[in-house]
Protein backbone atom coordinates (compact mmCIF):
# COMPACT_ATOMS: atom_id res chain seq x y z
CA UNK A 1 -93.38 -30.04 12.70
CA UNK A 2 -90.32 -29.16 14.65
CA UNK A 3 -87.91 -26.26 14.59
CA UNK A 4 -84.33 -27.31 14.43
CA UNK A 5 -82.11 -26.00 11.65
CA UNK A 6 -80.87 -22.43 11.63
CA UNK A 7 -80.12 -20.44 8.48
CA UNK A 8 -76.52 -19.24 8.22
CA UNK A 9 -76.21 -15.59 9.20
CA UNK A 10 -73.51 -13.06 8.42
CA UNK A 11 -71.30 -12.46 11.45
CA UNK A 12 -71.70 -8.71 11.07
CA UNK A 13 -75.49 -8.87 11.11
CA UNK A 14 -77.15 -8.38 14.47
CA UNK A 15 -80.52 -9.79 13.45
CA UNK A 16 -81.31 -13.21 14.84
CA UNK A 17 -81.08 -15.98 12.26
CA UNK A 18 -84.34 -17.28 10.84
CA UNK A 19 -85.36 -20.76 11.83
CA UNK A 20 -86.12 -23.49 9.34
CA UNK A 21 -89.02 -25.76 10.24
CA UNK A 22 -89.03 -29.37 9.09
CA UNK A 23 -92.06 -30.54 7.16
CA UNK A 24 -92.27 -34.33 7.20
CA UNK A 25 -92.22 -36.41 4.04
CA UNK A 26 -93.74 -39.82 4.71
CA UNK A 27 -94.60 -42.95 2.75
CA UNK A 28 -97.29 -45.27 4.12
CA UNK A 29 -97.52 -47.89 1.37
CA UNK A 30 -96.95 -51.59 2.01
CA UNK A 31 -95.68 -54.43 -0.14
CA UNK A 32 -98.89 -56.39 0.35
CA UNK A 33 -101.05 -53.51 -0.90
CA UNK A 34 -98.91 -52.91 -3.96
CA UNK A 35 -98.67 -56.65 -4.68
CA UNK A 36 -102.43 -56.79 -5.23
CA UNK A 37 -102.24 -53.87 -7.67
CA UNK A 38 -99.14 -55.25 -9.38
CA UNK A 39 -100.43 -58.78 -9.94
CA UNK A 40 -103.75 -57.53 -11.36
CA UNK A 41 -101.86 -55.11 -13.63
CA UNK A 42 -99.71 -57.95 -14.97
CA UNK A 43 -102.66 -60.30 -15.51
CA UNK A 44 -104.80 -57.74 -17.34
CA UNK A 45 -101.85 -56.49 -19.42
CA UNK A 46 -101.16 -60.07 -20.57
CA UNK A 47 -104.83 -60.78 -21.32
CA UNK A 48 -105.19 -57.55 -23.34
CA UNK A 49 -101.85 -57.99 -25.15
CA UNK A 50 -100.39 -54.93 -23.44
CA UNK A 51 -103.28 -52.54 -23.98
CA UNK A 52 -104.10 -52.40 -20.26
CA UNK A 53 -100.49 -51.36 -19.50
CA UNK A 54 -101.51 -47.69 -19.81
CA UNK A 55 -104.12 -48.14 -17.07
CA UNK A 56 -101.57 -50.16 -15.08
CA UNK A 57 -99.19 -47.19 -15.22
CA UNK A 58 -101.88 -44.83 -13.97
CA UNK A 59 -102.94 -47.18 -11.15
CA UNK A 60 -99.35 -47.68 -10.03
CA UNK A 61 -98.45 -44.01 -10.01
CA UNK A 62 -101.66 -43.03 -8.26
CA UNK A 63 -100.94 -45.57 -5.56
CA UNK A 64 -97.40 -44.35 -4.89
CA UNK A 65 -98.35 -40.68 -5.15
CA UNK A 66 -101.32 -41.15 -2.82
CA UNK A 67 -99.22 -42.98 -0.23
CA UNK A 68 -96.58 -40.22 -0.21
CA UNK A 69 -97.44 -37.22 1.94
CA UNK A 70 -95.82 -33.87 2.65
CA UNK A 71 -96.98 -32.08 5.78
CA UNK A 72 -99.79 -34.61 6.01
CA UNK A 73 -101.12 -33.98 2.47
CA UNK A 74 -100.78 -36.70 -0.20
CA UNK A 75 -99.49 -36.08 -3.70
CA UNK A 76 -101.73 -36.70 -6.71
CA UNK A 77 -101.18 -38.16 -10.17
CA UNK A 78 -103.92 -36.86 -12.45
CA UNK A 79 -103.07 -38.18 -15.92
CA UNK A 80 -105.59 -40.28 -17.83
CA UNK A 81 -104.84 -43.65 -19.36
CA UNK A 82 -106.07 -43.01 -22.93
CA UNK A 83 -103.42 -40.36 -23.81
CA UNK A 84 -100.76 -42.64 -22.35
CA UNK A 85 -102.05 -45.52 -24.48
CA UNK A 86 -101.97 -43.39 -27.65
CA UNK A 87 -98.45 -42.23 -26.89
CA UNK A 88 -97.41 -45.81 -26.17
CA UNK A 89 -98.78 -47.05 -29.50
CA UNK A 90 -96.89 -44.35 -31.41
CA UNK A 91 -93.73 -45.13 -29.45
CA UNK A 92 -94.16 -48.85 -30.14
CA UNK A 93 -94.54 -48.16 -33.87
CA UNK A 94 -91.31 -46.14 -33.96
CA UNK A 95 -89.45 -48.73 -31.92
CA UNK A 96 -90.84 -51.51 -34.12
CA UNK A 97 -89.65 -49.74 -37.26
CA UNK A 98 -86.18 -49.30 -35.77
CA UNK A 99 -86.09 -53.00 -34.80
CA UNK A 100 -87.15 -53.95 -38.34
CA UNK A 101 -84.32 -51.90 -39.83
CA UNK A 102 -81.85 -53.42 -37.36
CA UNK A 103 -82.82 -56.91 -38.50
CA UNK A 104 -83.02 -56.44 -42.26
CA UNK A 105 -80.77 -53.47 -43.00
CA UNK A 106 -78.32 -52.51 -40.22
CA UNK A 107 -76.98 -49.62 -42.30
CA UNK A 108 -80.38 -47.99 -42.53
CA UNK A 109 -80.89 -48.70 -38.82
CA UNK A 110 -77.72 -46.80 -37.96
CA UNK A 111 -78.84 -43.91 -40.15
CA UNK A 112 -82.29 -43.95 -38.49
CA UNK A 113 -80.61 -43.90 -35.09
CA UNK A 114 -78.29 -41.00 -35.94
CA UNK A 115 -80.66 -38.80 -37.95
CA UNK A 116 -83.97 -39.57 -36.27
CA UNK A 117 -83.60 -41.10 -32.81
CA UNK A 118 -80.62 -39.01 -31.68
CA UNK A 119 -82.20 -35.63 -32.58
CA UNK A 120 -85.47 -36.92 -31.11
CA UNK A 121 -83.86 -37.78 -27.77
CA UNK A 122 -83.85 -34.23 -26.30
CA UNK A 123 -87.49 -33.82 -27.33
CA UNK A 124 -88.40 -37.12 -25.67
CA UNK A 125 -86.71 -36.07 -22.45
CA UNK A 126 -88.25 -32.60 -22.50
CA UNK A 127 -91.77 -33.89 -23.17
CA UNK A 128 -91.38 -36.64 -20.59
CA UNK A 129 -90.47 -34.09 -17.92
CA UNK A 130 -93.33 -31.80 -18.94
CA UNK A 131 -95.83 -34.65 -18.85
CA UNK A 132 -94.81 -35.98 -15.45
CA UNK A 133 -94.73 -32.49 -13.93
CA UNK A 134 -98.07 -31.38 -15.42
CA UNK A 135 -99.92 -34.40 -14.03
CA UNK A 136 -98.25 -34.38 -10.63
CA UNK A 137 -99.86 -32.16 -8.00
CA UNK A 138 -99.95 -31.41 -4.30
CA UNK A 139 -102.83 -29.65 -2.58
CA UNK A 140 -104.49 -29.51 -6.02
CA UNK A 141 -101.73 -27.33 -7.45
CA UNK A 142 -99.86 -28.96 -10.36
CA UNK A 143 -96.16 -28.78 -11.08
CA UNK A 144 -94.81 -27.32 -14.32
CA UNK A 145 -91.67 -27.94 -16.34
CA UNK A 146 -90.37 -25.27 -18.72
CA UNK A 147 -87.16 -26.84 -20.01
CA UNK A 148 -86.37 -26.29 -23.69
CA UNK A 149 -85.24 -28.58 -26.49
CA UNK A 150 -81.97 -26.65 -26.85
CA UNK A 151 -80.98 -27.12 -23.22
CA UNK A 152 -81.88 -30.81 -23.41
CA UNK A 153 -79.81 -31.15 -26.59
CA UNK A 154 -76.73 -29.76 -24.84
CA UNK A 155 -77.25 -31.74 -21.64
CA UNK A 156 -78.28 -35.13 -22.99
CA UNK A 157 -76.62 -35.28 -26.41
CA UNK A 158 -73.63 -32.95 -26.71
CA UNK A 159 -72.19 -33.56 -23.23
CA UNK A 160 -72.55 -37.37 -23.51
CA UNK A 161 -70.80 -37.23 -26.90
CA UNK A 162 -68.04 -35.24 -25.23
CA UNK A 163 -67.82 -37.89 -22.50
CA UNK A 164 -66.96 -40.51 -25.11
CA UNK A 165 -64.05 -38.43 -26.40
CA UNK A 166 -62.77 -37.66 -22.87
CA UNK A 167 -62.99 -41.26 -21.62
CA UNK A 168 -65.92 -40.22 -19.37
CA UNK A 169 -63.77 -37.92 -17.27
CA UNK A 170 -66.42 -35.19 -17.62
CA UNK A 171 -69.16 -37.49 -16.29
CA UNK A 172 -69.57 -35.28 -13.16
CA UNK A 173 -70.34 -32.36 -15.49
CA UNK A 174 -73.18 -34.39 -16.98
CA UNK A 175 -74.54 -35.21 -13.53
CA UNK A 176 -74.54 -31.56 -12.52
CA UNK A 177 -75.98 -30.23 -15.78
CA UNK A 178 -78.70 -32.88 -15.67
CA UNK A 179 -79.67 -31.80 -12.16
CA UNK A 180 -79.75 -28.16 -13.28
CA UNK A 181 -81.95 -29.00 -16.26
CA UNK A 182 -84.41 -30.97 -14.15
CA UNK A 183 -84.78 -28.54 -11.25
CA UNK A 184 -84.07 -25.05 -12.61
CA UNK A 185 -86.98 -25.54 -15.01
CA UNK A 186 -89.38 -26.97 -12.44
CA UNK A 187 -92.22 -24.94 -10.92
CA UNK A 188 -94.82 -25.65 -8.29
CA UNK A 189 -97.60 -23.23 -9.08
CA UNK A 190 -95.84 -19.89 -9.50
CA UNK A 191 -92.89 -20.92 -7.33
CA UNK A 192 -89.74 -21.89 -9.20
CA UNK A 193 -87.28 -24.46 -7.90
CA UNK A 194 -83.56 -23.77 -8.10
CA UNK A 195 -80.50 -25.98 -8.10
CA UNK A 196 -77.37 -24.57 -6.45
CA UNK A 197 -74.88 -23.99 -9.28
CA UNK A 198 -72.03 -24.19 -6.77
CA UNK A 199 -73.20 -27.48 -5.31
CA UNK A 200 -70.30 -29.81 -4.53
CA UNK A 201 -70.07 -33.58 -4.37
CA UNK A 202 -70.12 -34.54 -8.04
CA UNK A 203 -66.40 -34.62 -8.76
CA UNK A 204 -65.54 -36.24 -5.43
CA UNK A 205 -68.14 -38.94 -6.10
CA UNK A 206 -66.58 -39.64 -9.50
CA UNK A 207 -63.00 -39.90 -8.22
CA UNK A 208 -64.00 -42.01 -5.22
CA UNK A 209 -65.79 -44.37 -7.61
CA UNK A 210 -62.67 -44.57 -9.79
CA UNK A 211 -60.49 -45.35 -6.77
CA UNK A 212 -62.93 -48.00 -5.56
CA UNK A 213 -62.95 -49.59 -9.02
CA UNK A 214 -59.17 -49.82 -9.25
CA UNK A 215 -59.05 -51.06 -5.67
CA UNK A 216 -61.34 -53.94 -6.64
CA UNK A 217 -59.23 -54.60 -9.75
CA UNK A 218 -56.10 -54.90 -7.64
CA UNK A 219 -57.88 -57.11 -5.11
CA UNK A 220 -59.27 -59.50 -7.73
CA UNK A 221 -55.93 -59.59 -9.56
CA UNK A 222 -54.11 -60.37 -6.33
CA UNK A 223 -56.57 -63.13 -5.43
CA UNK A 224 -56.27 -64.61 -8.91
CA UNK A 225 -52.47 -64.69 -8.74
CA UNK A 226 -52.55 -66.13 -5.23
CA UNK A 227 -55.00 -68.88 -6.12
CA UNK A 228 -53.10 -69.69 -9.31
CA UNK A 229 -49.90 -70.18 -7.35
CA UNK A 230 -51.58 -72.26 -4.65
CA UNK A 231 -53.39 -74.58 -7.06
CA UNK A 232 -50.69 -74.58 -9.75
CA UNK A 233 -50.64 -77.97 -11.47
CA UNK A 234 -53.56 -79.16 -9.35
CA UNK A 235 -56.81 -80.42 -10.84
CA UNK A 236 -59.74 -79.10 -8.84
CA UNK A 237 -62.45 -81.65 -7.98
CA UNK A 238 -65.61 -81.31 -10.04
CA UNK A 239 -67.55 -80.55 -6.88
CA UNK A 240 -65.45 -77.40 -6.41
CA UNK A 241 -65.10 -76.35 -10.04
CA UNK A 242 -68.72 -75.20 -10.43
CA UNK A 243 -68.93 -73.16 -7.22
CA UNK A 244 -65.48 -71.77 -7.98
CA UNK A 245 -66.68 -70.39 -11.30
CA UNK A 246 -69.78 -68.88 -9.66
CA UNK A 247 -67.69 -67.19 -6.97
CA UNK A 248 -65.27 -65.85 -9.57
CA UNK A 249 -68.11 -64.40 -11.67
CA UNK A 250 -69.62 -62.79 -8.56
CA UNK A 251 -66.25 -61.24 -7.73
CA UNK A 252 -66.10 -59.81 -11.24
CA UNK A 253 -69.59 -58.25 -11.23
CA UNK A 254 -69.96 -57.35 -7.55
CA UNK A 255 -67.71 -54.26 -7.77
CA UNK A 256 -69.87 -52.77 -10.52
CA UNK A 257 -73.02 -53.17 -8.41
CA UNK A 258 -71.35 -51.72 -5.32
CA UNK A 259 -69.93 -48.77 -7.25
CA UNK A 260 -73.36 -48.10 -8.78
CA UNK A 261 -75.01 -48.14 -5.34
CA UNK A 262 -72.25 -45.89 -3.96
CA UNK A 263 -72.79 -43.36 -6.75
CA UNK A 264 -76.58 -43.47 -6.36
CA UNK A 265 -76.49 -42.62 -2.68
CA UNK A 266 -73.95 -39.83 -3.17
CA UNK A 267 -75.91 -38.29 -6.04
CA UNK A 268 -79.13 -38.50 -4.04
CA UNK A 269 -77.57 -36.29 -1.38
CA UNK A 270 -75.68 -34.03 -3.79
CA UNK A 271 -78.65 -33.36 -6.07
CA UNK A 272 -81.62 -33.14 -3.72
CA UNK A 273 -79.58 -31.42 -1.04
CA UNK A 274 -78.88 -28.66 -3.55
CA UNK A 275 -82.52 -27.92 -4.44
CA UNK A 276 -84.27 -24.90 -2.97
CA UNK A 277 -87.57 -23.08 -3.50
CA UNK A 278 -89.12 -19.84 -2.27
CA UNK A 279 -89.49 -20.37 1.47
CA UNK A 280 -87.03 -23.18 1.94
CA UNK A 281 -85.00 -26.11 0.68
CA UNK A 282 -84.61 -29.88 0.64
CA UNK A 283 -82.31 -31.80 2.94
CA UNK A 284 -81.01 -35.23 1.94
CA UNK A 285 -78.98 -37.47 4.23
CA UNK A 286 -78.99 -40.95 2.71
CA UNK A 287 -76.24 -43.12 4.29
CA UNK A 288 -74.11 -44.87 1.67
CA UNK A 289 -73.71 -48.16 3.54
CA UNK A 290 -77.39 -48.34 4.36
CA UNK A 291 -78.35 -47.81 0.72
CA UNK A 292 -75.85 -50.41 -0.47
CA UNK A 293 -77.19 -52.97 2.00
CA UNK A 294 -80.78 -52.21 0.95
CA UNK A 295 -79.97 -52.74 -2.72
CA UNK A 296 -78.01 -55.95 -2.10
CA UNK A 297 -80.88 -57.43 -0.08
CA UNK A 298 -83.31 -56.27 -2.78
CA UNK A 299 -81.36 -58.24 -5.40
CA UNK A 300 -81.30 -61.31 -3.18
CA UNK A 301 -85.05 -61.05 -2.60
CA UNK A 302 -85.71 -60.86 -6.33
CA UNK A 303 -83.38 -63.77 -7.12
CA UNK A 304 -84.69 -66.15 -4.46
CA UNK A 305 -88.36 -65.36 -5.17
CA UNK A 306 -87.96 -65.36 -8.98
CA UNK A 307 -89.18 -61.77 -9.09
CA UNK A 308 -92.30 -62.23 -6.96
CA UNK A 309 -90.83 -59.94 -4.30
CA UNK A 310 -90.78 -56.99 -6.73
CA UNK A 311 -93.67 -55.12 -5.00
CA UNK A 312 -91.89 -55.33 -1.63
CA UNK A 313 -88.60 -54.25 -3.22
CA UNK A 314 -90.30 -51.27 -4.86
CA UNK A 315 -92.01 -50.21 -1.64
CA UNK A 316 -89.00 -50.58 0.65
CA UNK A 317 -86.78 -48.69 -1.82
CA UNK A 318 -89.12 -45.70 -2.01
CA UNK A 319 -89.71 -45.73 1.74
CA UNK A 320 -85.95 -45.64 2.35
CA UNK A 321 -85.48 -42.68 0.00
CA UNK A 322 -88.29 -40.69 1.58
CA UNK A 323 -87.07 -41.50 5.07
CA UNK A 324 -83.81 -39.72 4.26
CA UNK A 325 -85.37 -36.71 2.55
CA UNK A 326 -87.00 -33.75 4.26
CA UNK A 327 -88.35 -30.30 3.43
CA UNK A 328 -87.08 -27.34 5.44
CA UNK A 329 -88.80 -23.97 5.24
CA UNK A 330 -88.86 -20.68 7.13
CA UNK A 331 -92.54 -20.09 6.35
CA UNK A 332 -95.71 -22.11 5.97
CA UNK A 333 -95.94 -24.17 2.78
CA UNK A 334 -98.49 -21.96 1.07
CA UNK A 335 -98.25 -21.54 -2.69
CA UNK A 336 -100.17 -19.75 -5.42
CA UNK A 337 -101.42 -21.66 -8.43
CA UNK A 338 -100.05 -20.58 -11.79
CA UNK A 339 -103.34 -20.89 -13.66
CA UNK A 340 -104.71 -23.51 -16.01
CA UNK A 341 -102.22 -25.50 -18.04
CA UNK A 342 -102.76 -27.06 -21.43
CA UNK A 343 -102.71 -30.82 -21.61
CA UNK A 344 -99.23 -32.19 -22.22
CA UNK A 345 -99.05 -35.18 -24.54
CA UNK A 346 -97.91 -38.49 -23.13
CA UNK A 347 -96.01 -39.53 -26.23
CA UNK A 348 -92.74 -38.02 -25.05
CA UNK A 349 -92.94 -39.87 -21.75
CA UNK A 350 -93.78 -43.15 -23.46
CA UNK A 351 -91.04 -42.74 -26.04
CA UNK A 352 -88.58 -42.18 -23.24
CA UNK A 353 -89.81 -45.34 -21.57
CA UNK A 354 -89.75 -47.51 -24.69
CA UNK A 355 -86.28 -46.34 -25.68
CA UNK A 356 -85.02 -46.64 -22.12
CA UNK A 357 -84.25 -42.96 -21.64
CA UNK A 358 -84.27 -42.32 -17.92
CA UNK A 359 -82.68 -39.09 -16.73
CA UNK A 360 -83.08 -39.85 -13.06
CA UNK A 361 -79.72 -39.56 -11.29
CA UNK A 362 -80.52 -41.91 -8.42
């Protein structure tokens, strides 16, 4: 633990500025360790026709929580598998019914989506956040999430609908409101987290991404015109036609991957760097180029190993995030528990998973 970052102090104040101490966040997991858990999870899930997947989820989260430490103390994931399994079965039944309607009566499926799934979405997100917070703990004190359905409705339904009608120009507003919903309603014991409402970086990230996109469009268009003029009236050999198509497809899709990685790194810093709690705050300094290179090499690892490298990809990704995240505080990390919490059902979390609702910004 080292002292190194000073709090800003008013120029007219004579008192010496308080010092923020850095509390290390570390991840000690390895790809080999997680591979053994991962391969057993897959085998047992297949043998049990998916029933073991609930226990696989618990084992996986407990591994990653236990290998992540703050100030030398590991995090804990305390949920049980049976509630997750029950929630997963209910989620599967709802998803199966929606799939049935999509196949045999698309009109009813659209109605089910609009009048059932869409209103259910904020509840799924709210319950998912409550579940994950309630069963996540550090030093035996659990987290809590107090977000409401109404706030989730505005953030994850009304604003996205507005994005459609504004050609996604208000996407940065969604990013910021999502961060506020996630962190302003999060507690550790009795200590509430807070997201800086004046935090910057969202709009600049959006406009940089737009400029990068149009830059790639101009580049690809220019290359296409140039190659068309060079090879005009020329029949390419068959040995070059195949690779040429592959290269062209890569040029088309590569910008979208790079822009996504660019946005992820910027949001990581903008969101987590804007979160504070009682005695301190988070500091995030993820380098954009480093994150982009990590993700590109992750994709290559997965492609060339036919997915076998997934455990190593998962581990190196989390390690990289934690390496560029730290906790700064002007007092010891001592917190008071908020008291016993009621069990939070897993159905919301499983519904969010089965319907691919992920509100993570990075």
